[in-house]
Amino acid sequence: MTKMIAQAAAPASSPSFPPSMILVWLLFIGGFYFLFIAPQKKKQKEHERMLGSLQTGDEIITTGGIYGTITNVKEDRFVVRVADNTKIEVGKGFIQSVAKKTGADEKKSS
């Protein structure tokens, strides 16, 4: 009986972390990056490039679904004509996409 008590009182060795698990975690993190983070960064860069190329006369769509034509470009916002005699100021970050570029019409007619 004393042998059993001595064996039970001995500290159990902690399991070691196998090197193959490190590889599995690195593959998991790499896959997560390439599936989620990298495409989002690419989309964000394309959106910033699109905002930088906007100019007066471009027809845009806001994130709220409002269609309008840019009448003035300011440092941090656009003045957008949404109807006759109706203009609103929209922050640059709230432009979702371009419906029609003015430069595209000129290039097609040439």
C-alpha atoms as a PDB file:
ATOM      1  CA  MET A   1       0.000   0.000   0.000  1.00  0.00           C
ATOM      2  CA  THR A   2       2.859   2.385   0.614  1.00  0.00           C
ATOM      3  CA  LYS A   3       4.066   1.792  -2.922  1.00  0.00           C
ATOM      4  CA  MET A   4       0.737   3.007  -4.320  1.00  0.00           C
ATOM      5  CA  ILE A   5       0.844   6.162  -2.241  1.00  0.00           C
ATOM      6  CA  ALA A   6       4.383   6.942  -3.372  1.00  0.00           C
ATOM      7  CA  GLN A   7       3.471   6.453  -7.014  1.00  0.00           C
ATOM      8  CA  ALA A   8       0.363   8.595  -6.761  1.00  0.00           C
ATOM      9  CA  ALA A   9       2.272  11.408  -5.057  1.00  0.00           C
ATOM     10  CA  ALA A  10       4.934  11.594  -7.801  1.00  0.00           C
ATOM     11  CA  PRO A  11       4.340  14.548 -10.118  1.00  0.00           C
ATOM     12  CA  ALA A  12       3.201  13.626 -13.593  1.00  0.00           C
ATOM     13  CA  SER A  13       5.427  14.836 -16.401  1.00  0.00           C
ATOM     14  CA  SER A  14       3.809  17.514 -18.543  1.00  0.00           C
ATOM     15  CA  PRO A  15       3.098  16.472 -22.113  1.00  0.00           C
ATOM     16  CA  SER A  16       5.467  18.096 -24.590  1.00  0.00           C
ATOM     17  CA  PHE A  17       4.189  20.213 -27.481  1.00  0.00           C
ATOM     18  CA  PRO A  18       5.046  18.261 -30.629  1.00  0.00           C
ATOM     19  CA  PRO A  19       6.757  20.220 -33.432  1.00  0.00           C
ATOM     20  CA  SER A  20       4.144  18.997 -35.889  1.00  0.00           C
ATOM     21  CA  MET A  21       1.501  20.986 -33.956  1.00  0.00           C
ATOM     22  CA  ILE A  22       3.496  24.168 -34.533  1.00  0.00           C
ATOM     23  CA  LEU A  23       3.401  23.452 -38.255  1.00  0.00           C
ATOM     24  CA  VAL A  24      -0.353  22.853 -38.109  1.00  0.00           C
ATOM     25  CA  TRP A  25      -0.908  26.193 -36.326  1.00  0.00           C
ATOM     26  CA  LEU A  26       1.301  28.052 -38.807  1.00  0.00           C
ATOM     27  CA  LEU A  27      -0.634  26.557 -41.721  1.00  0.00           C
ATOM     28  CA  PHE A  28      -3.918  27.486 -40.032  1.00  0.00           C
ATOM     29  CA  ILE A  29      -2.824  31.091 -39.478  1.00  0.00           C
ATOM     30  CA  GLY A  30      -1.438  31.350 -43.030  1.00  0.00           C
ATOM     31  CA  GLY A  31      -4.665  29.985 -44.508  1.00  0.00           C
ATOM     32  CA  PHE A  32      -6.723  32.408 -42.432  1.00  0.00           C
ATOM     33  CA  TYR A  33      -4.602  35.306 -43.689  1.00  0.00           C
ATOM     34  CA  PHE A  34      -4.893  34.349 -47.367  1.00  0.00           C
ATOM     35  CA  LEU A  35      -8.619  33.569 -47.162  1.00  0.00           C
ATOM     36  CA  PHE A  36      -9.797  36.575 -45.162  1.00  0.00           C
ATOM     37  CA  ILE A  37      -7.263  39.336 -44.539  1.00  0.00           C
ATOM     38  CA  ALA A  38      -5.467  39.612 -47.905  1.00  0.00           C
ATOM     39  CA  PRO A  39      -8.654  39.894 -50.045  1.00  0.00           C
ATOM     40  CA  GLN A  40     -10.062  42.536 -47.697  1.00  0.00           C
ATOM     41  CA  LYS A  41      -6.870  44.612 -47.969  1.00  0.00           C
ATOM     42  CA  LYS A  42      -6.968  44.322 -51.755  1.00  0.00           C
ATOM     43  CA  LYS A  43     -10.602  45.456 -51.850  1.00  0.00           C
ATOM     44  CA  GLN A  44      -9.805  48.402 -49.573  1.00  0.00           C
ATOM     45  CA  LYS A  45      -6.913  49.531 -51.811  1.00  0.00           C
ATOM     46  CA  GLU A  46      -9.134  49.331 -54.915  1.00  0.00           C
ATOM     47  CA  HIS A  47     -11.795  51.441 -53.157  1.00  0.00           C
ATOM     48  CA  GLU A  48      -9.204  54.064 -52.166  1.00  0.00           C
ATOM     49  CA  ARG A  49      -7.903  54.162 -55.747  1.00  0.00           C
ATOM     50  CA  MET A  50     -11.472  54.598 -57.037  1.00  0.00           C
ATOM     51  CA  LEU A  51     -12.070  57.483 -54.596  1.00  0.00           C
ATOM     52  CA  GLY A  52      -8.856  59.160 -55.701  1.00  0.00           C
ATOM     53  CA  SER A  53      -9.886  59.039 -59.362  1.00  0.00           C
ATOM     54  CA  LEU A  54     -13.341  60.604 -58.887  1.00  0.00           C
ATOM     55  CA  GLN A  55     -13.874  63.994 -60.467  1.00  0.00           C
ATOM     56  CA  THR A  56     -16.612  66.472 -61.256  1.00  0.00           C
ATOM     57  CA  GLY A  57     -19.272  64.992 -63.534  1.00  0.00           C
ATOM     58  CA  ASP A  58     -18.890  61.367 -62.403  1.00  0.00           C
ATOM     59  CA  GLU A  59     -22.118  59.606 -61.489  1.00  0.00           C
ATOM     60  CA  ILE A  60     -21.799  57.762 -58.178  1.00  0.00           C
ATOM     61  CA  ILE A  61     -23.758  55.528 -55.822  1.00  0.00           C
ATOM     62  CA  THR A  62     -23.480  56.085 -52.066  1.00  0.00           C
ATOM     63  CA  THR A  63     -23.542  53.330 -49.462  1.00  0.00           C
ATOM     64  CA  GLY A  64     -27.072  54.460 -48.648  1.00  0.00           C
ATOM     65  CA  GLY A  65     -28.167  53.776 -52.227  1.00  0.00           C
ATOM     66  CA  ILE A  66     -28.393  57.384 -53.370  1.00  0.00           C
ATOM     67  CA  TYR A  67     -27.496  58.017 -57.020  1.00  0.00           C
ATOM     68  CA  GLY A  68     -26.040  61.390 -57.907  1.00  0.00           C
ATOM     69  CA  THR A  69     -23.550  63.372 -59.945  1.00  0.00           C
ATOM     70  CA  ILE A  70     -20.460  64.951 -58.409  1.00  0.00           C
ATOM     71  CA  THR A  71     -20.523  68.724 -58.855  1.00  0.00           C
ATOM     72  CA  ASN A  72     -17.593  69.666 -56.624  1.00  0.00           C
ATOM     73  CA  VAL A  73     -14.667  67.785 -55.090  1.00  0.00           C
ATOM     74  CA  LYS A  74     -13.527  68.964 -51.660  1.00  0.00           C
ATOM     75  CA  GLU A  75     -10.684  67.686 -49.498  1.00  0.00           C
ATOM     76  CA  ASP A  76     -12.737  65.262 -47.408  1.00  0.00           C
ATOM     77  CA  ARG A  77     -16.123  65.156 -49.165  1.00  0.00           C
ATOM     78  CA  PHE A  78     -17.986  65.526 -52.429  1.00  0.00           C
ATOM     79  CA  VAL A  79     -20.860  67.828 -53.316  1.00  0.00           C
ATOM     80  CA  VAL A  80     -23.357  65.612 -55.119  1.00  0.00           C
ATOM     81  CA  ARG A  81     -26.385  66.701 -57.163  1.00  0.00           C
ATOM     82  CA  VAL A  82     -29.177  64.198 -56.492  1.00  0.00           C
ATOM     83  CA  ALA A  83     -32.034  66.082 -58.197  1.00  0.00           C
ATOM     84  CA  ASP A  84     -32.676  69.419 -59.894  1.00  0.00           C
ATOM     85  CA  ASN A  85     -31.653  72.178 -57.478  1.00  0.00           C
ATOM     86  CA  THR A  86     -30.807  69.600 -54.794  1.00  0.00           C
ATOM     87  CA  LYS A  87     -27.215  69.101 -53.694  1.00  0.00           C
ATOM     88  CA  ILE A  88     -25.858  67.212 -50.717  1.00  0.00           C
ATOM     89  CA  GLU A  89     -22.381  66.837 -49.278  1.00  0.00           C
ATOM     90  CA  VAL A  90     -21.213  63.259 -48.905  1.00  0.00           C
ATOM     91  CA  GLY A  91     -18.110  62.083 -47.052  1.00  0.00           C
ATOM     92  CA  LYS A  92     -15.581  60.359 -49.312  1.00  0.00           C
ATOM     93  CA  GLY A  93     -15.830  57.128 -47.334  1.00  0.00           C
ATOM     94  CA  PHE A  94     -19.533  56.832 -48.113  1.00  0.00           C
ATOM     95  CA  ILE A  95     -19.116  56.482 -51.867  1.00  0.00           C
ATOM     96  CA  GLN A  96     -19.773  52.853 -52.759  1.00  0.00           C
ATOM     97  CA  SER A  97     -19.149  52.766 -56.486  1.00  0.00           C
ATOM     98  CA  VAL A  98     -19.067  54.717 -59.727  1.00  0.00           C
ATOM     99  CA  ALA A  99     -22.140  54.375 -61.944  1.00  0.00           C
ATOM    100  CA  LYS A 100     -20.619  56.271 -64.871  1.00  0.00           C
ATOM    101  CA  LYS A 101     -17.284  58.057 -65.383  1.00  0.00           C
ATOM    102  CA  THR A 102     -17.214  61.242 -67.461  1.00  0.00           C
ATOM    103  CA  GLY A 103     -13.852  60.284 -68.952  1.00  0.00           C
ATOM    104  CA  ALA A 104     -15.292  56.960 -70.196  1.00  0.00           C
ATOM    105  CA  ASP A 105     -17.796  58.804 -72.440  1.00  0.00           C
ATOM    106  CA  GLU A 106     -15.047  60.927 -73.969  1.00  0.00           C
ATOM    107  CA  LYS A 107     -12.815  57.897 -74.620  1.00  0.00           C
ATOM    108  CA  LYS A 108     -15.643  55.931 -76.303  1.00  0.00           C
ATOM    109  CA  SER A 109     -16.592  58.790 -78.650  1.00  0.00           C
ATOM    110  CA  SER A 110     -12.987  59.286 -79.849  1.00  0.00           C
END
